[in-house]
Amino acid sequence: MMINDKVYLNPGDIVRVRHNQLDYIPIMYVVEKVSRTVKTPDSLESAFIGIKCRWFDKDLRLNEAIFSTKDLEKLNG
């Protein structure tokens, strides 16, 4: 039986991309949760987009992107 614990990411958490087949897997930090507000005829609804992360590449350039939570792995430490 597999236990499927939910992992909640907060700003400042250290994460990495889960996919091991990538050549370079950077260690990133979480900046914020990204969501969009959608207006419907009856109400306003918030739709979750993803988690915004920042990291430095091999050339020490700062990068930023939005990832799905299923693609991120939280690192302990």
C-alpha atoms as a PDB file:
ATOM      1  CA  MET A   1       0.000   0.000   0.000  1.00  0.00           C
ATOM      2  CA  MET A   2       1.418   3.364  -1.031  1.00  0.00           C
ATOM      3  CA  ILE A   3       0.866   6.406   1.152  1.00  0.00           C
ATOM      4  CA  ASN A   4       0.403   9.533  -0.938  1.00  0.00           C
ATOM      5  CA  ASP A   5       1.208  12.445   1.385  1.00  0.00           C
ATOM      6  CA  LYS A   6       0.474  15.937   0.122  1.00  0.00           C
ATOM      7  CA  VAL A   7       3.419  18.309   0.175  1.00  0.00           C
ATOM      8  CA  TYR A   8       2.679  21.997   0.550  1.00  0.00           C
ATOM      9  CA  LEU A   9       5.261  24.431  -0.753  1.00  0.00           C
ATOM     10  CA  ASN A  10       5.826  27.791   0.900  1.00  0.00           C
ATOM     11  CA  PRO A  11       7.940  30.773  -0.164  1.00  0.00           C
ATOM     12  CA  GLY A  12      11.564  30.081   0.724  1.00  0.00           C
ATOM     13  CA  ASP A  13      11.319  26.283   0.404  1.00  0.00           C
ATOM     14  CA  ILE A  14      14.145  24.577  -1.498  1.00  0.00           C
ATOM     15  CA  VAL A  15      12.995  22.371  -4.393  1.00  0.00           C
ATOM     16  CA  ARG A  16      14.226  20.652  -7.550  1.00  0.00           C
ATOM     17  CA  VAL A  17      12.583  19.235 -10.672  1.00  0.00           C
ATOM     18  CA  ARG A  18      11.619  15.556 -10.265  1.00  0.00           C
ATOM     19  CA  HIS A  19      12.626  14.447 -13.782  1.00  0.00           C
ATOM     20  CA  ASN A  20      15.982  12.671 -13.582  1.00  0.00           C
ATOM     21  CA  GLN A  21      16.505  12.479 -17.344  1.00  0.00           C
ATOM     22  CA  LEU A  22      17.420  16.184 -17.556  1.00  0.00           C
ATOM     23  CA  ASP A  23      21.086  17.094 -18.072  1.00  0.00           C
ATOM     24  CA  TYR A  24      21.059  19.878 -15.490  1.00  0.00           C
ATOM     25  CA  ILE A  25      18.683  19.815 -12.518  1.00  0.00           C
ATOM     26  CA  PRO A  26      19.058  23.069 -10.603  1.00  0.00           C
ATOM     27  CA  ILE A  27      18.330  23.566  -6.934  1.00  0.00           C
ATOM     28  CA  MET A  28      15.644  26.275  -6.776  1.00  0.00           C
ATOM     29  CA  TYR A  29      13.776  28.276  -4.176  1.00  0.00           C
ATOM     30  CA  VAL A  30      10.035  28.924  -4.118  1.00  0.00           C
ATOM     31  CA  VAL A  31       9.032  32.560  -4.630  1.00  0.00           C
ATOM     32  CA  GLU A  32       5.226  32.412  -4.576  1.00  0.00           C
ATOM     33  CA  LYS A  33       2.058  30.545  -5.475  1.00  0.00           C
ATOM     34  CA  VAL A  34       0.669  31.789  -8.806  1.00  0.00           C
ATOM     35  CA  SER A  35      -3.080  31.939  -9.388  1.00  0.00           C
ATOM     36  CA  ARG A  36      -5.436  33.752 -11.710  1.00  0.00           C
ATOM     37  CA  THR A  37      -8.848  35.160 -10.933  1.00  0.00           C
ATOM     38  CA  VAL A  38     -11.542  34.181 -13.416  1.00  0.00           C
ATOM     39  CA  LYS A  39     -14.739  36.160 -13.575  1.00  0.00           C
ATOM     40  CA  THR A  40     -17.872  34.116 -14.140  1.00  0.00           C
ATOM     41  CA  PRO A  41     -21.387  35.557 -14.462  1.00  0.00           C
ATOM     42  CA  ASP A  42     -22.121  34.566 -10.857  1.00  0.00           C
ATOM     43  CA  SER A  43     -18.828  35.093  -9.030  1.00  0.00           C
ATOM     44  CA  LEU A  44     -15.055  35.416  -9.062  1.00  0.00           C
ATOM     45  CA  GLU A  45     -13.110  32.151  -8.942  1.00  0.00           C
ATOM     46  CA  SER A  46      -9.418  31.698  -8.236  1.00  0.00           C
ATOM     47  CA  ALA A  47      -7.613  29.176 -10.444  1.00  0.00           C
ATOM     48  CA  PHE A  48      -4.243  27.753  -9.326  1.00  0.00           C
ATOM     49  CA  ILE A  49      -1.578  28.070 -12.041  1.00  0.00           C
ATOM     50  CA  GLY A  50       1.594  26.784 -10.348  1.00  0.00           C
ATOM     51  CA  ILE A  51       4.596  27.578  -8.176  1.00  0.00           C
ATOM     52  CA  LYS A  52       7.040  30.330  -9.204  1.00  0.00           C
ATOM     53  CA  CYS A  53      10.664  29.347  -8.582  1.00  0.00           C
ATOM     54  CA  ARG A  54      14.030  31.053  -9.073  1.00  0.00           C
ATOM     55  CA  TRP A  55      17.464  29.534  -9.601  1.00  0.00           C
ATOM     56  CA  PHE A  56      20.907  30.293 -10.964  1.00  0.00           C
ATOM     57  CA  ASP A  57      22.080  28.461 -14.083  1.00  0.00           C
ATOM     58  CA  LYS A  58      25.627  27.261 -14.851  1.00  0.00           C
ATOM     59  CA  ASP A  59      26.564  30.775 -16.056  1.00  0.00           C
ATOM     60  CA  LEU A  60      25.268  32.308 -12.784  1.00  0.00           C
ATOM     61  CA  ARG A  61      22.311  33.996 -14.503  1.00  0.00           C
ATOM     62  CA  LEU A  62      19.145  34.307 -12.435  1.00  0.00           C
ATOM     63  CA  ASN A  63      16.187  32.413 -13.945  1.00  0.00           C
ATOM     64  CA  GLU A  64      12.518  32.338 -13.009  1.00  0.00           C
ATOM     65  CA  ALA A  65       9.716  30.036 -14.128  1.00  0.00           C
ATOM     66  CA  ILE A  66       6.359  28.640 -13.045  1.00  0.00           C
ATOM     67  CA  PHE A  67       6.177  24.881 -12.402  1.00  0.00           C
ATOM     68  CA  SER A  68       3.367  22.468 -11.660  1.00  0.00           C
ATOM     69  CA  THR A  69       3.550  21.126  -8.115  1.00  0.00           C
ATOM     70  CA  LYS A  70       3.661  17.550  -9.458  1.00  0.00           C
ATOM     71  CA  ASP A  71       6.955  18.381 -11.212  1.00  0.00           C
ATOM     72  CA  LEU A  72       8.681  19.635  -8.047  1.00  0.00           C
ATOM     73  CA  GLU A  73      10.333  17.726  -5.242  1.00  0.00           C
ATOM     74  CA  LYS A  74      10.870  19.442  -1.882  1.00  0.00           C
ATOM     75  CA  LEU A  75      14.368  18.977  -0.484  1.00  0.00           C
ATOM     76  CA  ASN A  76      14.960  18.534   3.223  1.00  0.00           C
ATOM     77  CA  GLY A  77      17.348  20.908   4.858  1.00  0.00           C
END
